[in-house]
Amino acid sequence: MLSIPCPWCGHRDETEFRYGGQAGVAYPPDPMALTDAEWAEYVFMRDNPKGFFAERWCHTAGCRRWFNVVRHTVTNEIR
């Protein structure tokens, strides 16, 4: 089982968290100006690397705060 380090609560079991997707994805500055294809690109297309990857996690069973974690997608090593 994956142990995720919450910055406020310390290491906890992964069942206490919810995955929030790729970290660092900026919201479009003018979303009303996007075409349907551009909006679909923003909503659905994310990187899928084999290696270290920045992710968003929410500690739903604890402090309920969002934070970023860098996790290796193969070994689950967290930095």
N, C-alpha and C. Protein backbone atom coordinates (compact mmCIF):
# COMPACT_ATOMS: atom_id res chain seq x y z
N MET A 1 0.83 -1.17 0.00
CA MET A 1 0.00 0.00 0.00
C MET A 1 0.89 1.24 0.00
N LEU A 2 0.43 2.26 -0.66
CA LEU A 2 1.17 3.52 -0.79
C LEU A 2 1.02 4.35 0.48
N SER A 3 2.13 4.87 0.98
CA SER A 3 2.12 5.78 2.12
C SER A 3 2.41 7.18 1.60
N ILE A 4 1.47 8.09 1.80
CA ILE A 4 1.58 9.45 1.25
C ILE A 4 1.88 10.41 2.40
N PRO A 5 2.91 11.26 2.23
CA PRO A 5 3.25 12.22 3.30
C PRO A 5 2.42 13.50 3.19
N CYS A 6 1.43 13.63 4.06
CA CYS A 6 0.65 14.87 4.11
C CYS A 6 1.52 15.92 4.80
N PRO A 7 1.67 17.12 4.22
CA PRO A 7 2.51 18.15 4.85
C PRO A 7 2.02 18.57 6.23
N TRP A 8 0.74 18.39 6.52
CA TRP A 8 0.17 18.82 7.80
C TRP A 8 -0.04 17.67 8.79
N CYS A 9 -0.30 16.46 8.29
CA CYS A 9 -0.66 15.33 9.18
C CYS A 9 0.41 14.24 9.23
N GLY A 10 1.41 14.31 8.37
CA GLY A 10 2.44 13.28 8.32
C GLY A 10 2.06 12.14 7.39
N HIS A 11 2.82 11.06 7.44
CA HIS A 11 2.58 9.91 6.56
C HIS A 11 1.27 9.22 6.92
N ARG A 12 0.46 8.97 5.89
CA ARG A 12 -0.82 8.29 6.08
C ARG A 12 -1.02 7.30 4.93
N ASP A 13 -1.92 6.35 5.14
CA ASP A 13 -2.26 5.35 4.15
C ASP A 13 -2.98 6.00 2.96
N GLU A 14 -2.76 5.47 1.77
CA GLU A 14 -3.34 6.07 0.57
C GLU A 14 -4.87 6.08 0.58
N THR A 15 -5.50 5.21 1.37
CA THR A 15 -6.97 5.19 1.41
C THR A 15 -7.56 6.45 2.03
N GLU A 16 -6.73 7.26 2.69
CA GLU A 16 -7.20 8.52 3.28
C GLU A 16 -7.20 9.67 2.27
N PHE A 17 -6.71 9.43 1.07
CA PHE A 17 -6.51 10.50 0.09
C PHE A 17 -7.35 10.29 -1.16
N ARG A 18 -7.52 11.38 -1.91
CA ARG A 18 -8.12 11.33 -3.24
C ARG A 18 -7.14 11.96 -4.22
N TYR A 19 -6.98 11.28 -5.35
CA TYR A 19 -6.08 11.74 -6.39
C TYR A 19 -6.71 12.90 -7.14
N GLY A 20 -5.94 13.94 -7.40
CA GLY A 20 -6.46 15.12 -8.07
C GLY A 20 -5.89 15.38 -9.45
N GLY A 21 -5.09 14.46 -9.95
CA GLY A 21 -4.55 14.63 -11.30
C GLY A 21 -3.19 15.28 -11.32
N GLN A 22 -2.81 15.68 -12.51
CA GLN A 22 -1.50 16.28 -12.74
C GLN A 22 -1.41 17.65 -12.08
N ALA A 23 -0.32 17.91 -11.39
CA ALA A 23 -0.09 19.21 -10.77
C ALA A 23 0.44 20.21 -11.79
N GLY A 24 0.18 21.46 -11.57
CA GLY A 24 0.75 22.50 -12.41
C GLY A 24 0.00 22.77 -13.70
N VAL A 25 -1.22 22.30 -13.84
CA VAL A 25 -2.01 22.56 -15.04
C VAL A 25 -2.76 23.87 -14.82
N ALA A 26 -2.36 24.88 -15.56
CA ALA A 26 -2.95 26.21 -15.37
C ALA A 26 -4.34 26.31 -16.01
N TYR A 27 -5.25 26.94 -15.29
CA TYR A 27 -6.60 27.17 -15.82
C TYR A 27 -6.48 28.17 -16.97
N PRO A 28 -7.23 27.98 -18.05
CA PRO A 28 -7.14 28.91 -19.18
C PRO A 28 -7.50 30.33 -18.75
N PRO A 29 -6.74 31.33 -19.22
CA PRO A 29 -7.01 32.71 -18.81
C PRO A 29 -8.38 33.21 -19.27
N ASP A 30 -8.84 32.74 -20.45
CA ASP A 30 -10.15 33.14 -20.96
C ASP A 30 -10.88 31.89 -21.44
N PRO A 31 -11.49 31.12 -20.54
CA PRO A 31 -12.10 29.86 -20.93
C PRO A 31 -13.25 30.01 -21.93
N MET A 32 -13.93 31.16 -21.93
CA MET A 32 -15.04 31.36 -22.86
C MET A 32 -14.56 31.51 -24.30
N ALA A 33 -13.27 31.82 -24.48
CA ALA A 33 -12.73 31.98 -25.83
C ALA A 33 -12.25 30.67 -26.43
N LEU A 34 -12.24 29.59 -25.65
CA LEU A 34 -11.74 28.31 -26.16
C LEU A 34 -12.77 27.64 -27.06
N THR A 35 -12.27 26.97 -28.08
CA THR A 35 -13.14 26.14 -28.90
C THR A 35 -13.44 24.86 -28.14
N ASP A 36 -14.38 24.08 -28.63
CA ASP A 36 -14.68 22.80 -27.99
C ASP A 36 -13.46 21.89 -27.97
N ALA A 37 -12.70 21.88 -29.06
CA ALA A 37 -11.50 21.04 -29.14
C ALA A 37 -10.44 21.51 -28.13
N GLU A 38 -10.25 22.81 -28.00
CA GLU A 38 -9.28 23.35 -27.04
C GLU A 38 -9.72 23.07 -25.61
N TRP A 39 -11.03 23.18 -25.34
CA TRP A 39 -11.53 22.90 -24.01
C TRP A 39 -11.34 21.41 -23.67
N ALA A 40 -11.63 20.53 -24.61
CA ALA A 40 -11.43 19.09 -24.42
C ALA A 40 -9.95 18.79 -24.17
N GLU A 41 -9.07 19.45 -24.87
CA GLU A 41 -7.63 19.29 -24.67
C GLU A 41 -7.25 19.66 -23.24
N TYR A 42 -7.79 20.79 -22.75
CA TYR A 42 -7.49 21.22 -21.38
C TYR A 42 -8.04 20.24 -20.34
N VAL A 43 -9.26 19.80 -20.53
CA VAL A 43 -9.92 18.95 -19.53
C VAL A 43 -9.38 17.53 -19.50
N PHE A 44 -9.15 16.93 -20.66
CA PHE A 44 -8.88 15.50 -20.72
C PHE A 44 -7.43 15.09 -20.98
N MET A 45 -6.65 15.92 -21.62
CA MET A 45 -5.31 15.50 -22.02
C MET A 45 -4.28 15.88 -20.96
N ARG A 46 -3.60 14.85 -20.44
CA ARG A 46 -2.57 15.04 -19.43
C ARG A 46 -1.35 14.21 -19.80
N ASP A 47 -0.21 14.58 -19.23
CA ASP A 47 1.00 13.80 -19.43
C ASP A 47 0.83 12.44 -18.78
N ASN A 48 1.53 11.44 -19.31
CA ASN A 48 1.49 10.10 -18.74
C ASN A 48 2.89 9.50 -18.81
N PRO A 49 3.83 10.09 -18.03
CA PRO A 49 5.22 9.65 -18.15
C PRO A 49 5.50 8.37 -17.37
N LYS A 50 6.57 7.75 -17.75
CA LYS A 50 7.10 6.63 -16.98
C LYS A 50 8.28 7.22 -16.21
N GLY A 51 8.07 7.51 -14.94
CA GLY A 51 9.10 8.16 -14.13
C GLY A 51 8.45 9.11 -13.14
N PHE A 52 9.21 10.10 -12.69
CA PHE A 52 8.70 11.04 -11.69
C PHE A 52 7.68 11.98 -12.31
N PHE A 53 6.62 12.24 -11.55
CA PHE A 53 5.46 12.98 -12.06
C PHE A 53 4.85 13.79 -10.92
N ALA A 54 4.59 15.06 -11.14
CA ALA A 54 3.99 15.93 -10.13
C ALA A 54 2.48 15.73 -10.12
N GLU A 55 1.92 15.43 -8.93
CA GLU A 55 0.50 15.13 -8.80
C GLU A 55 -0.13 15.97 -7.69
N ARG A 56 -1.46 16.12 -7.76
CA ARG A 56 -2.25 16.78 -6.71
C ARG A 56 -2.95 15.70 -5.91
N TRP A 57 -2.95 15.84 -4.58
CA TRP A 57 -3.64 14.92 -3.69
C TRP A 57 -4.41 15.73 -2.66
N CYS A 58 -5.55 15.20 -2.22
CA CYS A 58 -6.34 15.81 -1.16
C CYS A 58 -6.46 14.81 -0.01
N HIS A 59 -6.14 15.26 1.20
CA HIS A 59 -6.24 14.40 2.38
C HIS A 59 -7.68 14.45 2.88
N THR A 60 -8.56 13.71 2.23
CA THR A 60 -10.00 13.76 2.50
C THR A 60 -10.38 13.20 3.86
N ALA A 61 -9.63 12.25 4.38
CA ALA A 61 -9.96 11.65 5.68
C ALA A 61 -9.17 12.30 6.82
N GLY A 62 -8.52 13.40 6.52
CA GLY A 62 -7.71 14.08 7.53
C GLY A 62 -7.97 15.56 7.51
N CYS A 63 -6.96 16.34 7.13
CA CYS A 63 -7.04 17.79 7.19
C CYS A 63 -7.84 18.41 6.03
N ARG A 64 -8.14 17.62 5.01
CA ARG A 64 -8.91 18.04 3.83
C ARG A 64 -8.19 19.11 2.99
N ARG A 65 -6.90 19.14 3.07
CA ARG A 65 -6.13 20.11 2.29
C ARG A 65 -5.56 19.46 1.04
N TRP A 66 -5.40 20.28 0.00
CA TRP A 66 -4.77 19.85 -1.25
C TRP A 66 -3.28 20.15 -1.17
N PHE A 67 -2.46 19.28 -1.77
CA PHE A 67 -1.02 19.50 -1.84
C PHE A 67 -0.45 18.75 -3.03
N ASN A 68 0.78 19.11 -3.40
CA ASN A 68 1.47 18.47 -4.51
C ASN A 68 2.44 17.42 -4.01
N VAL A 69 2.57 16.35 -4.76
CA VAL A 69 3.51 15.27 -4.46
C VAL A 69 4.20 14.91 -5.77
N VAL A 70 5.50 14.63 -5.71
CA VAL A 70 6.21 14.10 -6.87
C VAL A 70 6.39 12.61 -6.63
N ARG A 71 5.75 11.80 -7.50
CA ARG A 71 5.74 10.34 -7.33
C ARG A 71 6.26 9.67 -8.59
N HIS A 72 7.04 8.61 -8.42
CA HIS A 72 7.52 7.81 -9.54
C HIS A 72 6.38 6.88 -9.95
N THR A 73 5.96 6.93 -11.20
CA THR A 73 4.78 6.20 -11.64
C THR A 73 5.00 4.69 -11.74
N VAL A 74 6.22 4.23 -11.69
CA VAL A 74 6.50 2.79 -11.74
C VAL A 74 6.73 2.23 -10.35
N THR A 75 7.57 2.88 -9.57
CA THR A 75 7.95 2.35 -8.25
C THR A 75 7.12 2.93 -7.11
N ASN A 76 6.36 3.99 -7.35
CA ASN A 76 5.59 4.72 -6.34
C ASN A 76 6.45 5.42 -5.30
N GLU A 77 7.74 5.58 -5.58
CA GLU A 77 8.62 6.35 -4.68
C GLU A 77 8.14 7.79 -4.67
N ILE A 78 8.03 8.36 -3.48
CA ILE A 78 7.57 9.76 -3.33
C ILE A 78 8.75 10.60 -2.85
N ARG A 79 8.93 11.74 -3.53
CA ARG A 79 9.98 12.69 -3.15
C ARG A 79 9.36 13.90 -2.49
